Amino acid sequence: MLRYGLTGREKTGDTMQNEDVMSETVVAADDPEYYADLSEYLNALSSPTRLKILKVLEAGPKDIREVAGGDIGTSYENTKKHMAKLLNAGVVKKEAGIGRSTSGGGALPVWKYSVASGGVWRR
């Protein structure tokens, strides 16, 4: 395992000291696949639109039309592409659900998306 730290400047009062401050920030495996997975995860979280989608999904499972129809300001197709990135990165999960009612009295099956357990780390 490799341990990485950040060095920085320590602020005391109104001035910045040039002392290096070491803090452990990342513990990473010495495995190229780990970095590929981490890169995919961080890429999924790098879009403001995808972050808005996650905020919408915090309220509970929704299908893509419900997410696209909300305040994120994207089309169904664009929302679908963003959702695929989040799904591939393991940030969201999808489960079979029931959609809107049909004229025949039934309901359409749809995929419902929600934030995956442990998919987004919070501090």
PDB file of N, CA and C in Angstrom:
ATOM      1  N   MET A   1       0.834  -1.172   0.000  1.00  0.00           N
ATOM      2  CA  MET A   1       0.000   0.000   0.000  1.00  0.00           C
ATOM      3  C   MET A   1       0.882   1.239   0.000  1.00  0.00           C
ATOM      4  N   LEU A   2       0.394   2.245  -0.666  1.00  0.00           N
ATOM      5  CA  LEU A   2       1.084   3.519  -0.687  1.00  0.00           C
ATOM      6  C   LEU A   2       0.295   4.516   0.140  1.00  0.00           C
ATOM      7  N   ARG A   3       0.988   5.364   0.854  1.00  0.00           N
ATOM      8  CA  ARG A   3       0.331   6.406   1.642  1.00  0.00           C
ATOM      9  C   ARG A   3       0.740   7.766   1.076  1.00  0.00           C
ATOM     10  N   TYR A   4      -0.266   8.577   0.805  1.00  0.00           N
ATOM     11  CA  TYR A   4      -0.004   9.898   0.263  1.00  0.00           C
ATOM     12  C   TYR A   4      -0.398  10.953   1.273  1.00  0.00           C
ATOM     13  N   GLY A   5       0.283  12.056   1.269  1.00  0.00           N
ATOM     14  CA  GLY A   5      -0.060  13.173   2.146  1.00  0.00           C
ATOM     15  C   GLY A   5       0.025  14.470   1.372  1.00  0.00           C
ATOM     16  N   LEU A   6      -0.626  15.491   1.898  1.00  0.00           N
ATOM     17  CA  LEU A   6      -0.554  16.808   1.298  1.00  0.00           C
ATOM     18  C   LEU A   6       0.305  17.690   2.183  1.00  0.00           C
ATOM     19  N   THR A   7       1.151  18.461   1.563  1.00  0.00           N
ATOM     20  CA  THR A   7       1.875  19.453   2.327  1.00  0.00           C
ATOM     21  C   THR A   7       1.236  20.786   2.034  1.00  0.00           C
ATOM     22  N   GLY A   8       1.249  21.652   3.005  1.00  0.00           N
ATOM     23  CA  GLY A   8       0.617  22.943   2.807  1.00  0.00           C
ATOM     24  C   GLY A   8       1.244  23.976   3.696  1.00  0.00           C
ATOM     25  N   ARG A   9       0.578  25.094   3.788  1.00  0.00           N
ATOM     26  CA  ARG A   9       1.058  26.173   4.618  1.00  0.00           C
ATOM     27  C   ARG A   9       0.111  26.298   5.797  1.00  0.00           C
ATOM     28  N   GLU A  10       0.668  26.547   6.939  1.00  0.00           N
ATOM     29  CA  GLU A  10      -0.136  26.664   8.152  1.00  0.00           C
ATOM     30  C   GLU A  10      -0.415  28.136   8.418  1.00  0.00           C
ATOM     31  N   LYS A  11      -1.672  28.447   8.646  1.00  0.00           N
ATOM     32  CA  LYS A  11      -2.049  29.839   8.896  1.00  0.00           C
ATOM     33  C   LYS A  11      -2.044  30.101  10.401  1.00  0.00           C
ATOM     34  N   THR A  12      -1.312  31.139  10.798  1.00  0.00           N
ATOM     35  CA  THR A  12      -1.316  31.564  12.190  1.00  0.00           C
ATOM     36  C   THR A  12      -1.621  33.049  12.206  1.00  0.00           C
ATOM     37  N   GLY A  13      -2.725  33.415  12.819  1.00  0.00           N
ATOM     38  CA  GLY A  13      -3.110  34.819  12.859  1.00  0.00           C
ATOM     39  C   GLY A  13      -3.428  35.330  11.466  1.00  0.00           C
ATOM     40  N   ASP A  14      -2.815  36.432  11.094  1.00  0.00           N
ATOM     41  CA  ASP A  14      -3.065  37.038   9.784  1.00  0.00           C
ATOM     42  C   ASP A  14      -2.002  36.680   8.760  1.00  0.00           C
ATOM     43  N   THR A  15      -1.008  35.889   9.137  1.00  0.00           N
ATOM     44  CA  THR A  15       0.074  35.583   8.211  1.00  0.00           C
ATOM     45  C   THR A  15       0.111  34.090   7.919  1.00  0.00           C
ATOM     46  N   MET A  16       0.683  33.749   6.801  1.00  0.00           N
ATOM     47  CA  MET A  16       0.853  32.348   6.424  1.00  0.00           C
ATOM     48  C   MET A  16       2.287  31.943   6.760  1.00  0.00           C
ATOM     49  N   GLN A  17       2.440  30.855   7.450  1.00  0.00           N
ATOM     50  CA  GLN A  17       3.748  30.306   7.765  1.00  0.00           C
ATOM     51  C   GLN A  17       4.178  29.404   6.616  1.00  0.00           C
ATOM     52  N   ASN A  18       5.448  29.320   6.363  1.00  0.00           N
ATOM     53  CA  ASN A  18       5.950  28.465   5.311  1.00  0.00           C
ATOM     54  C   ASN A  18       6.250  27.052   5.798  1.00  0.00           C
ATOM     55  N   GLU A  19       5.797  26.717   6.996  1.00  0.00           N
ATOM     56  CA  GLU A  19       6.018  25.372   7.513  1.00  0.00           C
ATOM     57  C   GLU A  19       5.179  24.382   6.716  1.00  0.00           C
ATOM     58  N   ASP A  20       5.766  23.260   6.423  1.00  0.00           N
ATOM     59  CA  ASP A  20       5.005  22.211   5.762  1.00  0.00           C
ATOM     60  C   ASP A  20       4.151  21.494   6.790  1.00  0.00           C
ATOM     61  N   VAL A  21       2.892  21.311   6.465  1.00  0.00           N
ATOM     62  CA  VAL A  21       1.971  20.598   7.342  1.00  0.00           C
ATOM     63  C   VAL A  21       1.617  19.303   6.624  1.00  0.00           C
ATOM     64  N   MET A  22       1.902  18.175   7.231  1.00  0.00           N
ATOM     65  CA  MET A  22       1.655  16.891   6.595  1.00  0.00           C
ATOM     66  C   MET A  22       0.367  16.297   7.142  1.00  0.00           C
ATOM     67  N   SER A  23      -0.499  15.867   6.264  1.00  0.00           N
ATOM     68  CA  SER A  23      -1.724  15.192   6.693  1.00  0.00           C
ATOM     69  C   SER A  23      -1.975  14.014   5.765  1.00  0.00           C
ATOM     70  N   GLU A  24      -2.378  12.896   6.345  1.00  0.00           N
ATOM     71  CA  GLU A  24      -2.688  11.723   5.538  1.00  0.00           C
ATOM     72  C   GLU A  24      -4.026  11.944   4.872  1.00  0.00           C
ATOM     73  N   THR A  25      -4.069  11.780   3.551  1.00  0.00           N
ATOM     74  CA  THR A  25      -5.306  12.039   2.830  1.00  0.00           C
ATOM     75  C   THR A  25      -5.823  10.838   2.064  1.00  0.00           C
ATOM     76  N   VAL A  26      -4.941  10.050   1.501  1.00  0.00           N
ATOM     77  CA  VAL A  26      -5.373   8.942   0.666  1.00  0.00           C
ATOM     78  C   VAL A  26      -4.535   7.713   0.973  1.00  0.00           C
ATOM     79  N   VAL A  27      -5.188   6.597   1.133  1.00  0.00           N
ATOM     80  CA  VAL A  27      -4.492   5.326   1.220  1.00  0.00           C
ATOM     81  C   VAL A  27      -4.894   4.561  -0.028  1.00  0.00           C
ATOM     82  N   ALA A  28      -3.937   4.255  -0.861  1.00  0.00           N
ATOM     83  CA  ALA A  28      -4.244   3.645  -2.149  1.00  0.00           C
ATOM     84  C   ALA A  28      -3.476   2.339  -2.326  1.00  0.00           C
ATOM     85  N   ALA A  29      -4.114   1.407  -2.956  1.00  0.00           N
ATOM     86  CA  ALA A  29      -3.464   0.145  -3.276  1.00  0.00           C
ATOM     87  C   ALA A  29      -2.478   0.381  -4.413  1.00  0.00           C
ATOM     88  N   ASP A  30      -1.428  -0.379  -4.443  1.00  0.00           N
ATOM     89  CA  ASP A  30      -0.449  -0.263  -5.521  1.00  0.00           C
ATOM     90  C   ASP A  30      -0.893  -1.169  -6.672  1.00  0.00           C
ATOM     91  N   ASP A  31      -2.082  -0.856  -7.216  1.00  0.00           N
ATOM     92  CA  ASP A  31      -2.719  -1.687  -8.215  1.00  0.00           C
ATOM     93  C   ASP A  31      -3.276  -0.790  -9.325  1.00  0.00           C
ATOM     94  N   PRO A  32      -2.844  -0.974 -10.572  1.00  0.00           N
ATOM     95  CA  PRO A  32      -3.323  -0.124 -11.670  1.00  0.00           C
ATOM     96  C   PRO A  32      -4.857  -0.162 -11.836  1.00  0.00           C
ATOM     97  N   GLU A  33      -5.472  -1.289 -11.548  1.00  0.00           N
ATOM     98  CA  GLU A  33      -6.933  -1.387 -11.673  1.00  0.00           C
ATOM     99  C   GLU A  33      -7.634  -0.487 -10.656  1.00  0.00           C
ATOM    100  N   TYR A  34      -7.029  -0.347  -9.483  1.00  0.00           N
ATOM    101  CA  TYR A  34      -7.582   0.544  -8.462  1.00  0.00           C
ATOM    102  C   TYR A  34      -7.662   1.958  -9.001  1.00  0.00           C
ATOM    103  N   TYR A  35      -6.603   2.417  -9.673  1.00  0.00           N
ATOM    104  CA  TYR A  35      -6.573   3.780 -10.190  1.00  0.00           C
ATOM    105  C   TYR A  35      -7.570   3.957 -11.330  1.00  0.00           C
ATOM    106  N   ALA A  36      -7.776   2.938 -12.130  1.00  0.00           N
ATOM    107  CA  ALA A  36      -8.785   3.016 -13.197  1.00  0.00           C
ATOM    108  C   ALA A  36     -10.180   3.138 -12.588  1.00  0.00           C
ATOM    109  N   ASP A  37     -10.468   2.350 -11.547  1.00  0.00           N
ATOM    110  CA  ASP A  37     -11.765   2.423 -10.870  1.00  0.00           C
ATOM    111  C   ASP A  37     -11.956   3.771 -10.189  1.00  0.00           C
ATOM    112  N   LEU A  38     -10.918   4.244  -9.527  1.00  0.00           N
ATOM    113  CA  LEU A  38     -10.989   5.541  -8.854  1.00  0.00           C
ATOM    114  C   LEU A  38     -11.222   6.661  -9.862  1.00  0.00           C
ATOM    115  N   SER A  39     -10.550   6.587 -10.988  1.00  0.00           N
ATOM    116  CA  SER A  39     -10.712   7.588 -12.036  1.00  0.00           C
ATOM    117  C   SER A  39     -12.142   7.596 -12.573  1.00  0.00           C
ATOM    118  N   GLU A  40     -12.720   6.406 -12.785  1.00  0.00           N
ATOM    119  CA  GLU A  40     -14.098   6.315 -13.260  1.00  0.00           C
ATOM    120  C   GLU A  40     -15.064   6.902 -12.233  1.00  0.00           C
ATOM    121  N   TYR A  41     -14.831   6.607 -10.960  1.00  0.00           N
ATOM    122  CA  TYR A  41     -15.681   7.115  -9.879  1.00  0.00           C
ATOM    123  C   TYR A  41     -15.611   8.641  -9.807  1.00  0.00           C
ATOM    124  N   LEU A  42     -14.394   9.174  -9.817  1.00  0.00           N
ATOM    125  CA  LEU A  42     -14.237  10.625  -9.735  1.00  0.00           C
ATOM    126  C   LEU A  42     -14.790  11.316 -10.975  1.00  0.00           C
ATOM    127  N   ASN A  43     -14.637  10.698 -12.138  1.00  0.00           N
ATOM    128  CA  ASN A  43     -15.196  11.243 -13.372  1.00  0.00           C
ATOM    129  C   ASN A  43     -16.720  11.311 -13.291  1.00  0.00           C
ATOM    130  N   ALA A  44     -17.323  10.287 -12.700  1.00  0.00           N
ATOM    131  CA  ALA A  44     -18.789  10.278 -12.555  1.00  0.00           C
ATOM    132  C   ALA A  44     -19.256  11.419 -11.669  1.00  0.00           C
ATOM    133  N   LEU A  45     -18.461  11.797 -10.686  1.00  0.00           N
ATOM    134  CA  LEU A  45     -18.836  12.877  -9.772  1.00  0.00           C
ATOM    135  C   LEU A  45     -18.372  14.252 -10.240  1.00  0.00           C
ATOM    136  N   SER A  46     -17.721  14.317 -11.394  1.00  0.00           N
ATOM    137  CA  SER A  46     -17.143  15.584 -11.850  1.00  0.00           C
ATOM    138  C   SER A  46     -18.132  16.476 -12.596  1.00  0.00           C
ATOM    139  N   SER A  47     -19.326  16.006 -12.850  1.00  0.00           N
ATOM    140  CA  SER A  47     -20.307  16.782 -13.603  1.00  0.00           C
ATOM    141  C   SER A  47     -21.341  17.418 -12.672  1.00  0.00           C
ATOM    142  N   PRO A  48     -21.564  18.726 -12.804  1.00  0.00           N
ATOM    143  CA  PRO A  48     -22.608  19.370 -12.000  1.00  0.00           C
ATOM    144  C   PRO A  48     -23.988  18.751 -12.241  1.00  0.00           C
ATOM    145  N   THR A  49     -24.251  18.324 -13.462  1.00  0.00           N
ATOM    146  CA  THR A  49     -25.539  17.689 -13.766  1.00  0.00           C
ATOM    147  C   THR A  49     -25.689  16.381 -13.011  1.00  0.00           C
ATOM    148  N   ARG A  50     -24.628  15.574 -12.981  1.00  0.00           N
ATOM    149  CA  ARG A  50     -24.706  14.305 -12.262  1.00  0.00           C
ATOM    150  C   ARG A  50     -24.835  14.532 -10.756  1.00  0.00           C
ATOM    151  N   LEU A  51     -24.227  15.578 -10.237  1.00  0.00           N
ATOM    152  CA  LEU A  51     -24.390  15.905  -8.816  1.00  0.00           C
ATOM    153  C   LEU A  51     -25.828  16.330  -8.522  1.00  0.00           C
ATOM    154  N   LYS A  52     -26.446  17.048  -9.454  1.00  0.00           N
ATOM    155  CA  LYS A  52     -27.860  17.420  -9.296  1.00  0.00           C
ATOM    156  C   LYS A  52     -28.737  16.170  -9.306  1.00  0.00           C
ATOM    157  N   ILE A  53     -28.410  15.225 -10.178  1.00  0.00           N
ATOM    158  CA  ILE A  53     -29.164  13.967 -10.232  1.00  0.00           C
ATOM    159  C   ILE A  53     -29.079  13.255  -8.886  1.00  0.00           C
ATOM    160  N   LEU A  54     -27.888  13.190  -8.308  1.00  0.00           N
ATOM    161  CA  LEU A  54     -27.728  12.544  -7.002  1.00  0.00           C
ATOM    162  C   LEU A  54     -28.554  13.245  -5.938  1.00  0.00           C
ATOM    163  N   LYS A  55     -28.612  14.557  -5.997  1.00  0.00           N
ATOM    164  CA  LYS A  55     -29.411  15.320  -5.034  1.00  0.00           C
ATOM    165  C   LYS A  55     -30.891  14.960  -5.183  1.00  0.00           C
ATOM    166  N   VAL A  56     -31.374  14.823  -6.418  1.00  0.00           N
ATOM    167  CA  VAL A  56     -32.769  14.442  -6.668  1.00  0.00           C
ATOM    168  C   VAL A  56     -33.034  13.031  -6.142  1.00  0.00           C
ATOM    169  N   LEU A  57     -32.078  12.121  -6.326  1.00  0.00           N
ATOM    170  CA  LEU A  57     -32.257  10.728  -5.906  1.00  0.00           C
ATOM    171  C   LEU A  57     -32.165  10.542  -4.398  1.00  0.00           C
ATOM    172  N   GLU A  58     -31.650  11.532  -3.690  1.00  0.00           N
ATOM    173  CA  GLU A  58     -31.597  11.443  -2.227  1.00  0.00           C
ATOM    174  C   GLU A  58     -32.996  11.303  -1.624  1.00  0.00           C
ATOM    175  N   ALA A  59     -33.981  11.886  -2.302  1.00  0.00           N
ATOM    176  CA  ALA A  59     -35.365  11.852  -1.799  1.00  0.00           C
ATOM    177  C   ALA A  59     -35.987  10.466  -1.927  1.00  0.00           C
ATOM    178  N   GLY A  60     -35.434   9.612  -2.762  1.00  0.00           N
ATOM    179  CA  GLY A  60     -35.958   8.269  -2.945  1.00  0.00           C
ATOM    180  C   GLY A  60     -35.840   7.825  -4.391  1.00  0.00           C
ATOM    181  N   PRO A  61     -36.134   6.551  -4.664  1.00  0.00           N
ATOM    182  CA  PRO A  61     -36.001   6.008  -6.022  1.00  0.00           C
ATOM    183  C   PRO A  61     -36.897   6.744  -7.028  1.00  0.00           C
ATOM    184  N   LYS A  62     -36.339   6.982  -8.206  1.00  0.00           N
ATOM    185  CA  LYS A  62     -37.077   7.656  -9.280  1.00  0.00           C
ATOM    186  C   LYS A  62     -36.685   7.034 -10.609  1.00  0.00           C
ATOM    187  N   ASP A  63     -37.618   7.086 -11.565  1.00  0.00           N
ATOM    188  CA  ASP A  63     -37.249   6.651 -12.911  1.00  0.00           C
ATOM    189  C   ASP A  63     -36.635   7.838 -13.653  1.00  0.00           C
ATOM    190  N   ILE A  64     -36.070   7.574 -14.818  1.00  0.00           N
ATOM    191  CA  ILE A  64     -35.341   8.612 -15.542  1.00  0.00           C
ATOM    192  C   ILE A  64     -36.251   9.774 -15.928  1.00  0.00           C
ATOM    193  N   ARG A  65     -37.491   9.486 -16.303  1.00  0.00           N
ATOM    194  CA  ARG A  65     -38.417  10.573 -16.663  1.00  0.00           C
ATOM    195  C   ARG A  65     -38.679  11.488 -15.477  1.00  0.00           C
ATOM    196  N   GLU A  66     -38.811  10.931 -14.287  1.00  0.00           N
ATOM    197  CA  GLU A  66     -39.020  11.751 -13.091  1.00  0.00           C
ATOM    198  C   GLU A  66     -37.796  12.628 -12.806  1.00  0.00           C
ATOM    199  N   VAL A  67     -36.623  12.062 -13.000  1.00  0.00           N
ATOM    200  CA  VAL A  67     -35.394  12.821 -12.771  1.00  0.00           C
ATOM    201  C   VAL A  67     -35.250  13.919 -13.818  1.00  0.00           C
ATOM    202  N   ALA A  68     -35.455  13.563 -15.091  1.00  0.00           N
ATOM    203  CA  ALA A  68     -35.321  14.544 -16.177  1.00  0.00           C
ATOM    204  C   ALA A  68     -36.376  15.635 -16.066  1.00  0.00           C
ATOM    205  N   GLY A  69     -37.562  15.306 -15.576  1.00  0.00           N
ATOM    206  CA  GLY A  69     -38.629  16.284 -15.447  1.00  0.00           C
ATOM    207  C   GLY A  69     -38.453  17.215 -14.269  1.00  0.00           C
ATOM    208  N   GLY A  70     -37.471  16.964 -13.443  1.00  0.00           N
ATOM    209  CA  GLY A  70     -37.221  17.790 -12.258  1.00  0.00           C
ATOM    210  C   GLY A  70     -36.462  19.058 -12.594  1.00  0.00           C
ATOM    211  N   ASP A  71     -35.670  19.508 -11.662  1.00  0.00           N
ATOM    212  CA  ASP A  71     -34.963  20.780 -11.795  1.00  0.00           C
ATOM    213  C   ASP A  71     -33.568  20.664 -12.402  1.00  0.00           C
ATOM    214  N   ILE A  72     -33.207  19.526 -12.955  1.00  0.00           N
ATOM    215  CA  ILE A  72     -31.829  19.395 -13.435  1.00  0.00           C
ATOM    216  C   ILE A  72     -31.631  20.002 -14.824  1.00  0.00           C
ATOM    217  N   GLY A  73     -32.705  20.219 -15.552  1.00  0.00           N
ATOM    218  CA  GLY A  73     -32.603  20.931 -16.822  1.00  0.00           C
ATOM    219  C   GLY A  73     -31.975  20.161 -17.962  1.00  0.00           C
ATOM    220  N   THR A  74     -32.220  18.858 -18.028  1.00  0.00           N
ATOM    221  CA  THR A  74     -31.713  18.075 -19.158  1.00  0.00           C
ATOM    222  C   THR A  74     -32.847  17.266 -19.768  1.00  0.00           C
ATOM    223  N   SER A  75     -32.616  16.817 -20.977  1.00  0.00           N
ATOM    224  CA  SER A  75     -33.608  15.990 -21.671  1.00  0.00           C
ATOM    225  C   SER A  75     -33.575  14.559 -21.127  1.00  0.00           C
ATOM    226  N   TYR A  76     -34.542  13.770 -21.521  1.00  0.00           N
ATOM    227  CA  TYR A  76     -34.598  12.363 -21.134  1.00  0.00           C
ATOM    228  C   TYR A  76     -33.330  11.646 -21.599  1.00  0.00           C
ATOM    229  N   GLU A  77     -32.968  11.839 -22.868  1.00  0.00           N
ATOM    230  CA  GLU A  77     -31.793  11.143 -23.431  1.00  0.00           C
ATOM    231  C   GLU A  77     -30.505  11.548 -22.723  1.00  0.00           C
ATOM    232  N   ASN A  78     -30.354  12.821 -22.443  1.00  0.00           N
ATOM    233  CA  ASN A  78     -29.153  13.290 -21.759  1.00  0.00           C
ATOM    234  C   ASN A  78     -29.107  12.754 -20.326  1.00  0.00           C
ATOM    235  N   THR A  79     -30.267  12.751 -19.657  1.00  0.00           N
ATOM    236  CA  THR A  79     -30.348  12.217 -18.296  1.00  0.00           C
ATOM    237  C   THR A  79     -29.992  10.733 -18.290  1.00  0.00           C
ATOM    238  N   LYS A  80     -30.446  10.022 -19.297  1.00  0.00           N
ATOM    239  CA  LYS A  80     -30.160   8.584 -19.426  1.00  0.00           C
ATOM    240  C   LYS A  80     -28.646   8.346 -19.527  1.00  0.00           C
ATOM    241  N   LYS A  81     -27.952   9.176 -20.294  1.00  0.00           N
ATOM    242  CA  LYS A  81     -26.495   9.039 -20.440  1.00  0.00           C
ATOM    243  C   LYS A  81     -25.773   9.342 -19.123  1.00  0.00           C
ATOM    244  N   HIS A  82     -26.229  10.388 -18.432  1.00  0.00           N
ATOM    245  CA  HIS A  82     -25.629  10.712 -17.135  1.00  0.00           C
ATOM    246  C   HIS A  82     -25.869   9.582 -16.137  1.00  0.00           C
ATOM    247  N   MET A  83     -27.077   9.033 -16.149  1.00  0.00           N
ATOM    248  CA  MET A  83     -27.419   7.956 -15.226  1.00  0.00           C
ATOM    249  C   MET A  83     -26.559   6.719 -15.501  1.00  0.00           C
ATOM    250  N   ALA A  84     -26.277   6.443 -16.763  1.00  0.00           N
ATOM    251  CA  ALA A  84     -25.431   5.297 -17.121  1.00  0.00           C
ATOM    252  C   ALA A  84     -24.027   5.456 -16.535  1.00  0.00           C
ATOM    253  N   LYS A  85     -23.485   6.677 -16.568  1.00  0.00           N
ATOM    254  CA  LYS A  85     -22.153   6.911 -15.979  1.00  0.00           C
ATOM    255  C   LYS A  85     -22.173   6.679 -14.477  1.00  0.00           C
ATOM    256  N   LEU A  86     -23.220   7.179 -13.825  1.00  0.00           N
ATOM    257  CA  LEU A  86     -23.334   6.998 -12.377  1.00  0.00           C
ATOM    258  C   LEU A  86     -23.510   5.524 -12.025  1.00  0.00           C
ATOM    259  N   LEU A  87     -24.261   4.811 -12.828  1.00  0.00           N
ATOM    260  CA  LEU A  87     -24.497   3.383 -12.611  1.00  0.00           C
ATOM    261  C   LEU A  87     -23.206   2.584 -12.799  1.00  0.00           C
ATOM    262  N   ASN A  88     -22.470   2.864 -13.852  1.00  0.00           N
ATOM    263  CA  ASN A  88     -21.211   2.157 -14.126  1.00  0.00           C
ATOM    264  C   ASN A  88     -20.166   2.407 -13.046  1.00  0.00           C
ATOM    265  N   ALA A  89     -20.211   3.580 -12.433  1.00  0.00           N
ATOM    266  CA  ALA A  89     -19.254   3.913 -11.376  1.00  0.00           C
ATOM    267  C   ALA A  89     -19.693   3.368 -10.019  1.00  0.00           C
ATOM    268  N   GLY A  90     -20.901   2.805  -9.948  1.00  0.00           N
ATOM    269  CA  GLY A  90     -21.383   2.236  -8.688  1.00  0.00           C
ATOM    270  C   GLY A  90     -21.957   3.257  -7.724  1.00  0.00           C
ATOM    271  N   VAL A  91     -22.243   4.446  -8.211  1.00  0.00           N
ATOM    272  CA  VAL A  91     -22.767   5.510  -7.358  1.00  0.00           C
ATOM    273  C   VAL A  91     -24.283   5.366  -7.191  1.00  0.00           C
ATOM    274  N   VAL A  92     -24.957   4.889  -8.238  1.00  0.00           N
ATOM    275  CA  VAL A  92     -26.394   4.637  -8.144  1.00  0.00           C
ATOM    276  C   VAL A  92     -26.662   3.168  -8.457  1.00  0.00           C
ATOM    277  N   LYS A  93     -27.845   2.719  -8.061  1.00  0.00           N
ATOM    278  CA  LYS A  93     -28.275   1.350  -8.385  1.00  0.00           C
ATOM    279  C   LYS A  93     -29.637   1.443  -9.055  1.00  0.00           C
ATOM    280  N   LYS A  94     -29.998   0.405  -9.778  1.00  0.00           N
ATOM    281  CA  LYS A  94     -31.316   0.391 -10.403  1.00  0.00           C
ATOM    282  C   LYS A  94     -32.050  -0.879 -10.028  1.00  0.00           C
ATOM    283  N   GLU A  95     -33.355  -0.721  -9.847  1.00  0.00           N
ATOM    284  CA  GLU A  95     -34.223  -1.830  -9.480  1.00  0.00           C
ATOM    285  C   GLU A  95     -35.508  -1.714 -10.286  1.00  0.00           C
ATOM    286  N   ALA A  96     -36.137  -2.838 -10.522  1.00  0.00           N
ATOM    287  CA  ALA A  96     -37.412  -2.821 -11.239  1.00  0.00           C
ATOM    288  C   ALA A  96     -38.455  -2.108 -10.393  1.00  0.00           C
ATOM    289  N   GLY A  97     -39.260  -1.295 -11.046  1.00  0.00           N
ATOM    290  CA  GLY A  97     -40.305  -0.557 -10.349  1.00  0.00           C
ATOM    291  C   GLY A  97     -41.533  -0.410 -11.231  1.00  0.00           C
ATOM    292  N   ILE A  98     -42.531   0.278 -10.710  1.00  0.00           N
ATOM    293  CA  ILE A  98     -43.771   0.520 -11.429  1.00  0.00           C
ATOM    294  C   ILE A  98     -43.798   1.983 -11.857  1.00  0.00           C
ATOM    295  N   GLY A  99     -44.089   2.193 -13.130  1.00  0.00           N
ATOM    296  CA  GLY A  99     -44.148   3.550 -13.670  1.00  0.00           C
ATOM    297  C   GLY A  99     -45.565   4.094 -13.674  1.00  0.00           C
ATOM    298  N   ARG A 100     -45.822   4.972 -14.603  1.00  0.00           N
ATOM    299  CA  ARG A 100     -47.128   5.618 -14.685  1.00  0.00           C
ATOM    300  C   ARG A 100     -48.194   4.638 -15.158  1.00  0.00           C
ATOM    301  N   SER A 101     -49.428   4.963 -14.860  1.00  0.00           N
ATOM    302  CA  SER A 101     -50.566   4.105 -15.238  1.00  0.00           C
ATOM    303  C   SER A 101     -50.827   4.182 -16.732  1.00  0.00           C
ATOM    304  N   THR A 102     -51.318   3.079 -17.286  1.00  0.00           N
ATOM    305  CA  THR A 102     -51.696   3.044 -18.692  1.00  0.00           C
ATOM    306  C   THR A 102     -53.197   3.285 -18.816  1.00  0.00           C
ATOM    307  N   SER A 103     -53.657   3.513 -20.027  1.00  0.00           N
ATOM    308  CA  SER A 103     -55.084   3.756 -20.247  1.00  0.00           C
ATOM    309  C   SER A 103     -55.909   2.508 -19.962  1.00  0.00           C
ATOM    310  N   GLY A 104     -55.306   1.345 -19.993  1.00  0.00           N
ATOM    311  CA  GLY A 104     -56.008   0.089 -19.719  1.00  0.00           C
ATOM    312  C   GLY A 104     -56.120  -0.232 -18.234  1.00  0.00           C
ATOM    313  N   GLY A 105     -55.630   0.656 -17.381  1.00  0.00           N
ATOM    314  CA  GLY A 105     -55.728   0.432 -15.947  1.00  0.00           C
ATOM    315  C   GLY A 105     -54.509  -0.233 -15.337  1.00  0.00           C
ATOM    316  N   GLY A 106     -53.558  -0.631 -16.151  1.00  0.00           N
ATOM    317  CA  GLY A 106     -52.341  -1.255 -15.635  1.00  0.00           C
ATOM    318  C   GLY A 106     -51.261  -0.211 -15.403  1.00  0.00           C
ATOM    319  N   ALA A 107     -50.068  -0.673 -15.218  1.00  0.00           N
ATOM    320  CA  ALA A 107     -48.927   0.223 -15.038  1.00  0.00           C
ATOM    321  C   ALA A 107     -47.735  -0.326 -15.807  1.00  0.00           C
ATOM    322  N   LEU A 108     -46.913   0.569 -16.278  1.00  0.00           N
ATOM    323  CA  LEU A 108     -45.734   0.178 -17.036  1.00  0.00           C
ATOM    324  C   LEU A 108     -44.572  -0.133 -16.102  1.00  0.00           C
ATOM    325  N   PRO A 109     -43.847  -1.204 -16.382  1.00  0.00           N
ATOM    326  CA  PRO A 109     -42.643  -1.471 -15.582  1.00  0.00           C
ATOM    327  C   PRO A 109     -41.537  -0.499 -16.012  1.00  0.00           C
ATOM    328  N   VAL A 110     -40.786  -0.017 -15.068  1.00  0.00           N
ATOM    329  CA  VAL A 110     -39.671   0.894 -15.344  1.00  0.00           C
ATOM    330  C   VAL A 110     -38.514   0.557 -14.418  1.00  0.00           C
ATOM    331  N   TRP A 111     -37.353   1.090 -14.748  1.00  0.00           N
ATOM    332  CA  TRP A 111     -36.214   0.992 -13.850  1.00  0.00           C
ATOM    333  C   TRP A 111     -36.259   2.184 -12.923  1.00  0.00           C
ATOM    334  N   LYS A 112     -36.148   1.936 -11.620  1.00  0.00           N
ATOM    335  CA  LYS A 112     -36.076   3.000 -10.611  1.00  0.00           C
ATOM    336  C   LYS A 112     -34.620   3.092 -10.152  1.00  0.00           C
ATOM    337  N   TYR A 113     -34.113   4.296 -10.105  1.00  0.00           N
ATOM    338  CA  TYR A 113     -32.730   4.538  -9.703  1.00  0.00           C
ATOM    339  C   TYR A 113     -32.694   5.160  -8.317  1.00  0.00           C
ATOM    340  N   SER A 114     -31.692   4.785  -7.547  1.00  0.00           N
ATOM    341  CA  SER A 114     -31.496   5.372  -6.226  1.00  0.00           C
ATOM    342  C   SER A 114     -29.998   5.410  -5.937  1.00  0.00           C
ATOM    343  N   VAL A 115     -29.619   6.196  -4.946  1.00  0.00           N
ATOM    344  CA  VAL A 115     -28.210   6.287  -4.564  1.00  0.00           C
ATOM    345  C   VAL A 115     -27.811   4.964  -3.924  1.00  0.00           C
ATOM    346  N   ALA A 116     -26.730   4.380  -4.411  1.00  0.00           N
ATOM    347  CA  ALA A 116     -26.254   3.089  -3.896  1.00  0.00           C
ATOM    348  C   ALA A 116     -25.711   3.262  -2.487  1.00  0.00           C
ATOM    349  N   SER A 117     -25.935   2.279  -1.657  1.00  0.00           N
ATOM    350  CA  SER A 117     -25.404   2.286  -0.293  1.00  0.00           C
ATOM    351  C   SER A 117     -23.877   2.321  -0.382  1.00  0.00           C
ATOM    352  N   GLY A 118     -23.282   3.311   0.199  1.00  0.00           N
ATOM    353  CA  GLY A 118     -21.825   3.463   0.136  1.00  0.00           C
ATOM    354  C   GLY A 118     -21.339   4.003  -1.185  1.00  0.00           C
ATOM    355  N   GLY A 119     -22.245   4.372  -2.089  1.00  0.00           N
ATOM    356  CA  GLY A 119     -21.856   4.877  -3.403  1.00  0.00           C
ATOM    357  C   GLY A 119     -21.246   6.256  -3.367  1.00  0.00           C
ATOM    358  N   VAL A 120     -21.697   7.064  -2.415  1.00  0.00           N
ATOM    359  CA  VAL A 120     -21.162   8.416  -2.268  1.00  0.00           C
ATOM    360  C   VAL A 120     -20.702   8.572  -0.836  1.00  0.00           C
ATOM    361  N   TRP A 121     -19.452   8.903  -0.664  1.00  0.00           N
ATOM    362  CA  TRP A 121     -18.904   9.084   0.664  1.00  0.00           C
ATOM    363  C   TRP A 121     -19.191  10.495   1.124  1.00  0.00           C
ATOM    364  N   ARG A 122     -19.671  10.608   2.347  1.00  0.00           N
ATOM    365  CA  ARG A 122     -19.941  11.928   2.923  1.00  0.00           C
ATOM    366  C   ARG A 122     -19.090  12.128   4.147  1.00  0.00           C
ATOM    367  N   ARG A 123     -18.775  13.343   4.390  1.00  0.00           N
ATOM    368  CA  ARG A 123     -17.982  13.683   5.569  1.00  0.00           C
ATOM    369  C   ARG A 123     -18.830  14.405   6.559  1.00  0.00           C
TER     370      ARG A 123
END
